[in-house]
Amino acid sequence: MEKLRPMTKSAMRLAAIATLAAIPQMAHAQSTSMLLFPFASNQAGFDTGIVIANTTADPFGTAQASGTCMMTFYGSGAPAQPVTTAAIAPGQTDTNLVSTLAPGFQGYLIVQCKFPLARGWGFFSNGAAKEAASIQAEVITSLPR
């Protein structure tokens, strides 16, 4: 019986590359993004700015993609239907106010974008009294959550 020899570093790298290449990628993960804004409001004198960035323009060789995003609101005063953005080009952002998208709303929203690598940020403020908070959108990476 032949004795097993330890693998060289080159052989280990090739084995790792072959293993990674054999793992099927999730189709939706390559073509869409999902974000959770955990809080947004347009009540009691407050408003929330929502920013969605298409980060497919980068120096890393990422395939660039444009697409729209569908915002679904959950909570008090939520619109009956989702709100869809205009197409967001690579390297661009979409900015909106909750007072424009869903007047009188308070709750959370889930954003589904038709491009990979979407990122989001929100700004919650009452303006006059200068009370404000930053809201980082969470990237939803798997379903069900």
N, C-alpha and C. Protein backbone atom coordinates (compact mmCIF):
# COMPACT_ATOMS: atom_id res chain seq x y z
N MET A 1 0.84 -1.18 0.00
CA MET A 1 0.00 0.00 0.00
C MET A 1 0.88 1.24 0.00
N GLU A 2 0.51 2.20 -0.85
CA GLU A 2 1.30 3.41 -0.98
C GLU A 2 1.05 4.35 0.19
N LYS A 3 2.11 4.96 0.67
CA LYS A 3 2.01 5.91 1.77
C LYS A 3 1.53 7.26 1.26
N LEU A 4 0.65 7.91 2.00
CA LEU A 4 0.20 9.24 1.65
C LEU A 4 1.27 10.26 1.97
N ARG A 5 1.49 11.17 1.04
CA ARG A 5 2.46 12.24 1.27
C ARG A 5 1.73 13.53 1.58
N PRO A 6 2.31 14.40 2.37
CA PRO A 6 1.66 15.69 2.65
C PRO A 6 1.54 16.51 1.36
N MET A 7 0.47 17.28 1.28
CA MET A 7 0.25 18.13 0.11
C MET A 7 1.17 19.34 0.17
N THR A 8 1.64 19.75 -0.99
CA THR A 8 2.42 20.98 -1.06
C THR A 8 1.47 22.16 -1.00
N LYS A 9 2.00 23.35 -0.75
CA LYS A 9 1.16 24.55 -0.72
C LYS A 9 0.49 24.78 -2.06
N SER A 10 1.18 24.54 -3.15
CA SER A 10 0.59 24.71 -4.49
C SER A 10 -0.57 23.75 -4.69
N ALA A 11 -0.40 22.51 -4.28
CA ALA A 11 -1.47 21.52 -4.43
C ALA A 11 -2.68 21.90 -3.57
N MET A 12 -2.42 22.43 -2.36
CA MET A 12 -3.52 22.85 -1.50
C MET A 12 -4.29 24.01 -2.13
N ARG A 13 -3.56 24.98 -2.73
CA ARG A 13 -4.22 26.11 -3.38
C ARG A 13 -5.10 25.63 -4.54
N LEU A 14 -4.56 24.73 -5.36
CA LEU A 14 -5.33 24.20 -6.49
C LEU A 14 -6.56 23.45 -6.01
N ALA A 15 -6.43 22.68 -4.94
CA ALA A 15 -7.57 21.95 -4.39
C ALA A 15 -8.62 22.92 -3.86
N ALA A 16 -8.19 23.98 -3.21
CA ALA A 16 -9.13 24.98 -2.69
C ALA A 16 -9.86 25.68 -3.82
N ILE A 17 -9.14 26.04 -4.89
CA ILE A 17 -9.77 26.70 -6.04
C ILE A 17 -10.78 25.77 -6.69
N ALA A 18 -10.42 24.52 -6.86
CA ALA A 18 -11.34 23.55 -7.47
C ALA A 18 -12.59 23.36 -6.62
N THR A 19 -12.41 23.35 -5.29
CA THR A 19 -13.55 23.19 -4.39
C THR A 19 -14.47 24.40 -4.47
N LEU A 20 -13.90 25.60 -4.44
CA LEU A 20 -14.71 26.82 -4.52
C LEU A 20 -15.44 26.92 -5.85
N ALA A 21 -14.78 26.51 -6.93
CA ALA A 21 -15.42 26.58 -8.24
C ALA A 21 -16.61 25.62 -8.34
N ALA A 22 -16.56 24.53 -7.56
CA ALA A 22 -17.64 23.54 -7.62
C ALA A 22 -18.86 23.94 -6.79
N ILE A 23 -18.75 24.95 -5.92
CA ILE A 23 -19.87 25.37 -5.09
C ILE A 23 -20.82 26.20 -5.92
N PRO A 24 -22.08 25.77 -6.07
CA PRO A 24 -23.02 26.57 -6.87
C PRO A 24 -23.35 27.87 -6.16
N GLN A 25 -23.40 28.94 -6.92
CA GLN A 25 -23.74 30.25 -6.36
C GLN A 25 -25.25 30.41 -6.40
N MET A 26 -25.81 31.11 -5.40
CA MET A 26 -27.24 31.39 -5.39
C MET A 26 -27.54 32.40 -6.48
N ALA A 27 -28.47 32.08 -7.37
CA ALA A 27 -28.77 32.95 -8.50
C ALA A 27 -29.23 34.33 -8.04
N HIS A 28 -30.11 34.38 -7.03
CA HIS A 28 -30.62 35.68 -6.60
C HIS A 28 -29.55 36.53 -5.94
N ALA A 29 -28.55 35.90 -5.32
CA ALA A 29 -27.51 36.65 -4.64
C ALA A 29 -26.66 37.44 -5.64
N GLN A 30 -26.57 36.95 -6.89
CA GLN A 30 -25.76 37.63 -7.89
C GLN A 30 -26.52 38.75 -8.58
N SER A 31 -27.83 38.72 -8.56
CA SER A 31 -28.58 39.68 -9.35
C SER A 31 -29.46 40.62 -8.54
N THR A 32 -29.63 40.38 -7.24
CA THR A 32 -30.49 41.24 -6.43
C THR A 32 -29.84 41.54 -5.08
N SER A 33 -30.41 42.52 -4.40
CA SER A 33 -29.99 42.87 -3.04
C SER A 33 -31.24 43.13 -2.21
N MET A 34 -31.15 42.85 -0.92
CA MET A 34 -32.26 43.15 -0.01
C MET A 34 -31.72 43.90 1.20
N LEU A 35 -32.43 44.96 1.57
CA LEU A 35 -32.03 45.79 2.71
C LEU A 35 -33.19 45.92 3.68
N LEU A 36 -32.86 46.01 4.95
CA LEU A 36 -33.85 46.27 6.00
C LEU A 36 -33.50 47.59 6.66
N PHE A 37 -34.40 48.55 6.58
CA PHE A 37 -34.29 49.79 7.35
C PHE A 37 -35.12 49.55 8.60
N PRO A 38 -34.49 49.37 9.77
CA PRO A 38 -35.22 48.95 10.97
C PRO A 38 -36.16 50.00 11.56
N PHE A 39 -36.01 51.25 11.16
CA PHE A 39 -36.92 52.28 11.66
C PHE A 39 -36.96 53.45 10.70
N ALA A 40 -38.16 53.95 10.45
CA ALA A 40 -38.37 55.15 9.65
C ALA A 40 -39.67 55.78 10.12
N SER A 41 -39.72 57.12 10.09
CA SER A 41 -40.92 57.80 10.58
C SER A 41 -41.14 59.13 9.89
N ASN A 42 -42.42 59.46 9.76
CA ASN A 42 -42.85 60.79 9.36
C ASN A 42 -44.04 61.15 10.25
N GLN A 43 -43.80 61.06 11.57
CA GLN A 43 -44.82 61.39 12.57
C GLN A 43 -44.20 62.29 13.63
N ALA A 44 -45.06 63.01 14.35
CA ALA A 44 -44.66 63.85 15.48
C ALA A 44 -43.55 64.84 15.13
N GLY A 45 -43.60 65.38 13.91
CA GLY A 45 -42.62 66.38 13.51
C GLY A 45 -41.31 65.81 13.00
N PHE A 46 -41.17 64.50 12.94
CA PHE A 46 -39.95 63.87 12.45
C PHE A 46 -40.10 63.47 10.99
N ASP A 47 -38.97 63.32 10.32
CA ASP A 47 -38.94 62.78 8.97
C ASP A 47 -37.68 61.95 8.84
N THR A 48 -37.69 61.04 7.88
CA THR A 48 -36.55 60.16 7.66
C THR A 48 -36.12 60.25 6.21
N GLY A 49 -34.83 60.51 6.02
CA GLY A 49 -34.25 60.46 4.68
C GLY A 49 -33.75 59.05 4.43
N ILE A 50 -34.03 58.53 3.24
CA ILE A 50 -33.62 57.18 2.86
C ILE A 50 -32.68 57.29 1.66
N VAL A 51 -31.50 56.68 1.77
CA VAL A 51 -30.52 56.68 0.68
C VAL A 51 -30.22 55.23 0.32
N ILE A 52 -30.31 54.91 -0.97
CA ILE A 52 -29.95 53.59 -1.48
C ILE A 52 -28.83 53.79 -2.50
N ALA A 53 -27.71 53.11 -2.30
CA ALA A 53 -26.55 53.24 -3.19
C ALA A 53 -26.37 51.98 -4.02
N ASN A 54 -26.08 52.16 -5.30
CA ASN A 54 -25.71 51.05 -6.17
C ASN A 54 -24.19 51.03 -6.21
N THR A 55 -23.60 50.11 -5.46
CA THR A 55 -22.13 50.09 -5.31
C THR A 55 -21.44 49.14 -6.29
N THR A 56 -22.09 48.84 -7.42
CA THR A 56 -21.44 47.94 -8.37
C THR A 56 -20.33 48.61 -9.19
N ALA A 57 -20.19 49.93 -9.10
CA ALA A 57 -19.06 50.62 -9.71
C ALA A 57 -17.95 50.65 -8.66
N ASP A 58 -16.88 49.91 -8.93
CA ASP A 58 -15.77 49.86 -7.98
C ASP A 58 -14.48 49.51 -8.73
N PRO A 59 -13.33 49.58 -8.07
CA PRO A 59 -12.07 49.26 -8.75
C PRO A 59 -11.71 47.77 -8.68
N PHE A 60 -12.65 46.90 -8.29
CA PHE A 60 -12.33 45.49 -8.05
C PHE A 60 -12.78 44.56 -9.17
N GLY A 61 -13.28 45.11 -10.27
CA GLY A 61 -13.71 44.27 -11.38
C GLY A 61 -15.12 43.72 -11.23
N THR A 62 -15.91 44.29 -10.34
CA THR A 62 -17.30 43.87 -10.16
C THR A 62 -18.11 44.18 -11.41
N ALA A 63 -18.95 43.24 -11.83
CA ALA A 63 -19.82 43.48 -12.97
C ALA A 63 -20.84 44.56 -12.60
N GLN A 64 -20.89 45.62 -13.38
CA GLN A 64 -21.81 46.71 -13.09
C GLN A 64 -23.22 46.38 -13.56
N ALA A 65 -24.21 46.82 -12.79
CA ALA A 65 -25.60 46.56 -13.13
C ALA A 65 -26.47 47.71 -12.63
N SER A 66 -27.43 48.10 -13.44
CA SER A 66 -28.44 49.09 -13.06
C SER A 66 -29.71 48.36 -12.68
N GLY A 67 -30.57 49.03 -11.94
CA GLY A 67 -31.86 48.44 -11.62
C GLY A 67 -32.68 49.31 -10.70
N THR A 68 -33.94 48.94 -10.57
CA THR A 68 -34.85 49.64 -9.67
C THR A 68 -34.85 48.95 -8.31
N CYS A 69 -35.42 49.62 -7.32
CA CYS A 69 -35.60 49.04 -6.00
C CYS A 69 -37.06 49.19 -5.60
N MET A 70 -37.60 48.15 -4.98
CA MET A 70 -38.98 48.17 -4.51
C MET A 70 -38.95 48.29 -2.98
N MET A 71 -39.56 49.34 -2.46
CA MET A 71 -39.60 49.59 -1.03
C MET A 71 -40.97 49.20 -0.49
N THR A 72 -40.98 48.25 0.45
CA THR A 72 -42.22 47.81 1.07
C THR A 72 -42.22 48.28 2.52
N PHE A 73 -43.25 49.04 2.89
CA PHE A 73 -43.34 49.65 4.22
C PHE A 73 -44.21 48.77 5.12
N TYR A 74 -43.80 48.63 6.38
CA TYR A 74 -44.53 47.86 7.38
C TYR A 74 -44.70 48.72 8.63
N GLY A 75 -45.93 48.98 9.02
CA GLY A 75 -46.19 49.77 10.21
C GLY A 75 -47.37 50.71 10.02
N SER A 76 -47.49 51.66 10.93
CA SER A 76 -48.59 52.62 10.92
C SER A 76 -48.48 53.55 9.71
N GLY A 77 -49.56 53.66 8.94
CA GLY A 77 -49.58 54.56 7.79
C GLY A 77 -48.83 54.03 6.58
N ALA A 78 -48.56 52.71 6.54
CA ALA A 78 -47.84 52.13 5.41
C ALA A 78 -48.67 52.21 4.14
N PRO A 79 -48.07 52.55 3.01
CA PRO A 79 -48.81 52.55 1.75
C PRO A 79 -49.31 51.14 1.43
N ALA A 80 -50.44 51.04 0.76
CA ALA A 80 -51.02 49.74 0.42
C ALA A 80 -50.15 48.97 -0.56
N GLN A 81 -49.43 49.68 -1.41
CA GLN A 81 -48.57 49.05 -2.41
C GLN A 81 -47.12 49.48 -2.21
N PRO A 82 -46.16 48.62 -2.60
CA PRO A 82 -44.74 49.03 -2.52
C PRO A 82 -44.47 50.24 -3.42
N VAL A 83 -43.42 50.96 -3.08
CA VAL A 83 -42.98 52.12 -3.86
C VAL A 83 -41.72 51.71 -4.61
N THR A 84 -41.68 51.97 -5.92
CA THR A 84 -40.53 51.58 -6.74
C THR A 84 -39.75 52.82 -7.15
N THR A 85 -38.43 52.72 -7.02
CA THR A 85 -37.54 53.82 -7.40
C THR A 85 -37.38 53.84 -8.92
N ALA A 86 -36.80 54.92 -9.42
CA ALA A 86 -36.32 54.94 -10.80
C ALA A 86 -35.09 54.03 -10.85
N ALA A 87 -34.62 53.68 -12.03
CA ALA A 87 -33.41 52.87 -12.15
C ALA A 87 -32.23 53.61 -11.51
N ILE A 88 -31.44 52.87 -10.75
CA ILE A 88 -30.25 53.44 -10.10
C ILE A 88 -29.03 52.87 -10.83
N ALA A 89 -28.25 53.75 -11.43
CA ALA A 89 -27.07 53.34 -12.20
C ALA A 89 -25.91 53.00 -11.26
N PRO A 90 -24.95 52.21 -11.73
CA PRO A 90 -23.77 51.90 -10.93
C PRO A 90 -23.07 53.18 -10.47
N GLY A 91 -22.71 53.24 -9.21
CA GLY A 91 -22.04 54.41 -8.66
C GLY A 91 -22.97 55.55 -8.29
N GLN A 92 -24.27 55.36 -8.43
CA GLN A 92 -25.24 56.41 -8.13
C GLN A 92 -26.07 56.05 -6.91
N THR A 93 -26.80 57.04 -6.40
CA THR A 93 -27.68 56.84 -5.25
C THR A 93 -29.09 57.32 -5.56
N ASP A 94 -30.04 56.80 -4.82
CA ASP A 94 -31.41 57.28 -4.86
C ASP A 94 -31.70 57.83 -3.47
N THR A 95 -32.17 59.05 -3.38
CA THR A 95 -32.48 59.66 -2.09
C THR A 95 -33.94 60.11 -2.07
N ASN A 96 -34.59 59.83 -0.96
CA ASN A 96 -36.00 60.20 -0.78
C ASN A 96 -36.28 60.50 0.67
N LEU A 97 -37.39 61.17 0.91
CA LEU A 97 -37.88 61.40 2.26
C LEU A 97 -39.12 60.54 2.48
N VAL A 98 -39.27 60.01 3.68
CA VAL A 98 -40.47 59.23 4.01
C VAL A 98 -41.71 60.10 3.86
N SER A 99 -41.59 61.39 4.15
CA SER A 99 -42.74 62.30 4.00
C SER A 99 -43.23 62.36 2.56
N THR A 100 -42.36 62.10 1.60
CA THR A 100 -42.74 62.07 0.19
C THR A 100 -43.24 60.69 -0.22
N LEU A 101 -42.57 59.64 0.25
CA LEU A 101 -42.90 58.27 -0.15
C LEU A 101 -44.13 57.72 0.55
N ALA A 102 -44.23 58.01 1.86
CA ALA A 102 -45.31 57.43 2.68
C ALA A 102 -45.67 58.41 3.80
N PRO A 103 -46.37 59.50 3.47
CA PRO A 103 -46.72 60.52 4.48
C PRO A 103 -47.45 59.90 5.68
N GLY A 104 -47.01 60.28 6.89
CA GLY A 104 -47.64 59.79 8.12
C GLY A 104 -47.19 58.40 8.54
N PHE A 105 -46.19 57.84 7.88
CA PHE A 105 -45.73 56.48 8.17
C PHE A 105 -44.82 56.44 9.39
N GLN A 106 -44.88 55.32 10.13
CA GLN A 106 -43.88 55.00 11.16
C GLN A 106 -43.78 53.48 11.26
N GLY A 107 -42.57 52.97 11.12
CA GLY A 107 -42.35 51.52 11.17
C GLY A 107 -41.00 51.18 10.58
N TYR A 108 -40.96 50.09 9.79
CA TYR A 108 -39.72 49.68 9.14
C TYR A 108 -40.01 49.43 7.66
N LEU A 109 -38.95 49.30 6.86
CA LEU A 109 -39.16 48.99 5.46
C LEU A 109 -38.11 48.02 4.96
N ILE A 110 -38.52 47.20 4.01
CA ILE A 110 -37.63 46.26 3.34
C ILE A 110 -37.52 46.72 1.90
N VAL A 111 -36.28 46.78 1.41
CA VAL A 111 -36.00 47.24 0.07
C VAL A 111 -35.41 46.08 -0.73
N GLN A 112 -36.01 45.81 -1.88
CA GLN A 112 -35.53 44.76 -2.78
C GLN A 112 -35.05 45.42 -4.06
N CYS A 113 -33.74 45.31 -4.32
CA CYS A 113 -33.14 45.95 -5.50
C CYS A 113 -32.81 44.92 -6.57
N LYS A 114 -32.97 45.33 -7.82
CA LYS A 114 -32.69 44.45 -8.95
C LYS A 114 -31.25 44.62 -9.43
N PHE A 115 -30.34 44.74 -8.48
CA PHE A 115 -28.90 44.76 -8.76
C PHE A 115 -28.19 44.28 -7.50
N PRO A 116 -27.00 43.71 -7.63
CA PRO A 116 -26.28 43.24 -6.45
C PRO A 116 -25.62 44.40 -5.71
N LEU A 117 -25.22 44.16 -4.50
CA LEU A 117 -24.40 45.07 -3.70
C LEU A 117 -25.05 46.41 -3.36
N ALA A 118 -26.38 46.43 -3.22
CA ALA A 118 -27.04 47.66 -2.76
C ALA A 118 -26.68 47.89 -1.30
N ARG A 119 -26.56 49.14 -0.93
CA ARG A 119 -26.31 49.52 0.46
C ARG A 119 -27.23 50.68 0.79
N GLY A 120 -27.59 50.81 2.07
CA GLY A 120 -28.53 51.85 2.44
C GLY A 120 -28.17 52.57 3.73
N TRP A 121 -28.69 53.79 3.83
CA TRP A 121 -28.45 54.61 5.01
C TRP A 121 -29.66 55.53 5.17
N GLY A 122 -29.99 55.82 6.40
CA GLY A 122 -31.09 56.72 6.67
C GLY A 122 -30.71 57.78 7.69
N PHE A 123 -31.48 58.86 7.69
CA PHE A 123 -31.25 59.96 8.63
C PHE A 123 -32.60 60.39 9.18
N PHE A 124 -32.75 60.24 10.48
CA PHE A 124 -34.00 60.51 11.19
C PHE A 124 -33.84 61.83 11.94
N SER A 125 -34.72 62.80 11.69
CA SER A 125 -34.56 64.12 12.31
C SER A 125 -35.89 64.85 12.43
N ASN A 126 -35.94 65.77 13.41
CA ASN A 126 -37.11 66.65 13.50
C ASN A 126 -36.75 68.06 13.05
N GLY A 127 -35.57 68.24 12.54
CA GLY A 127 -35.16 69.50 11.95
C GLY A 127 -35.09 70.67 12.91
N ALA A 128 -36.24 71.21 13.32
CA ALA A 128 -36.29 72.43 14.13
C ALA A 128 -35.57 72.30 15.47
N ALA A 129 -35.79 71.22 16.19
CA ALA A 129 -35.16 71.04 17.51
C ALA A 129 -33.78 70.40 17.41
N LYS A 130 -33.36 70.11 16.17
CA LYS A 130 -32.02 69.56 15.92
C LYS A 130 -31.76 68.22 16.61
N GLU A 131 -32.79 67.40 16.72
CA GLU A 131 -32.62 66.04 17.23
C GLU A 131 -32.52 65.12 16.02
N ALA A 132 -31.49 64.27 15.99
CA ALA A 132 -31.28 63.45 14.81
C ALA A 132 -30.60 62.13 15.18
N ALA A 133 -30.75 61.17 14.29
CA ALA A 133 -30.09 59.87 14.45
C ALA A 133 -29.80 59.30 13.07
N SER A 134 -28.72 58.54 12.97
CA SER A 134 -28.34 57.85 11.75
C SER A 134 -28.93 56.45 11.78
N ILE A 135 -29.37 55.95 10.63
CA ILE A 135 -29.96 54.62 10.55
C ILE A 135 -29.19 53.83 9.48
N GLN A 136 -28.48 52.80 9.89
CA GLN A 136 -27.76 51.95 8.95
C GLN A 136 -28.68 50.83 8.48
N ALA A 137 -28.87 50.70 7.17
CA ALA A 137 -29.69 49.60 6.64
C ALA A 137 -28.91 48.29 6.79
N GLU A 138 -29.61 47.27 7.22
CA GLU A 138 -29.00 45.95 7.33
C GLU A 138 -29.14 45.23 6.00
N VAL A 139 -28.08 44.53 5.57
CA VAL A 139 -28.15 43.74 4.35
C VAL A 139 -28.73 42.37 4.72
N ILE A 140 -29.82 42.00 4.06
CA ILE A 140 -30.42 40.69 4.28
C ILE A 140 -29.71 39.71 3.36
N THR A 141 -29.05 38.73 3.95
CA THR A 141 -28.22 37.82 3.16
C THR A 141 -28.83 36.46 2.90
N SER A 142 -29.85 36.09 3.67
CA SER A 142 -30.45 34.77 3.44
C SER A 142 -31.92 34.79 3.82
N LEU A 143 -32.68 33.93 3.15
CA LEU A 143 -34.10 33.79 3.42
C LEU A 143 -34.41 32.32 3.68
N PRO A 144 -35.32 31.96 4.53
CA PRO A 144 -36.00 32.89 5.42
C PRO A 144 -35.03 33.39 6.49
N ARG A 145 -35.34 34.54 7.08
CA ARG A 145 -34.45 35.14 8.08
C ARG A 145 -34.66 34.48 9.41
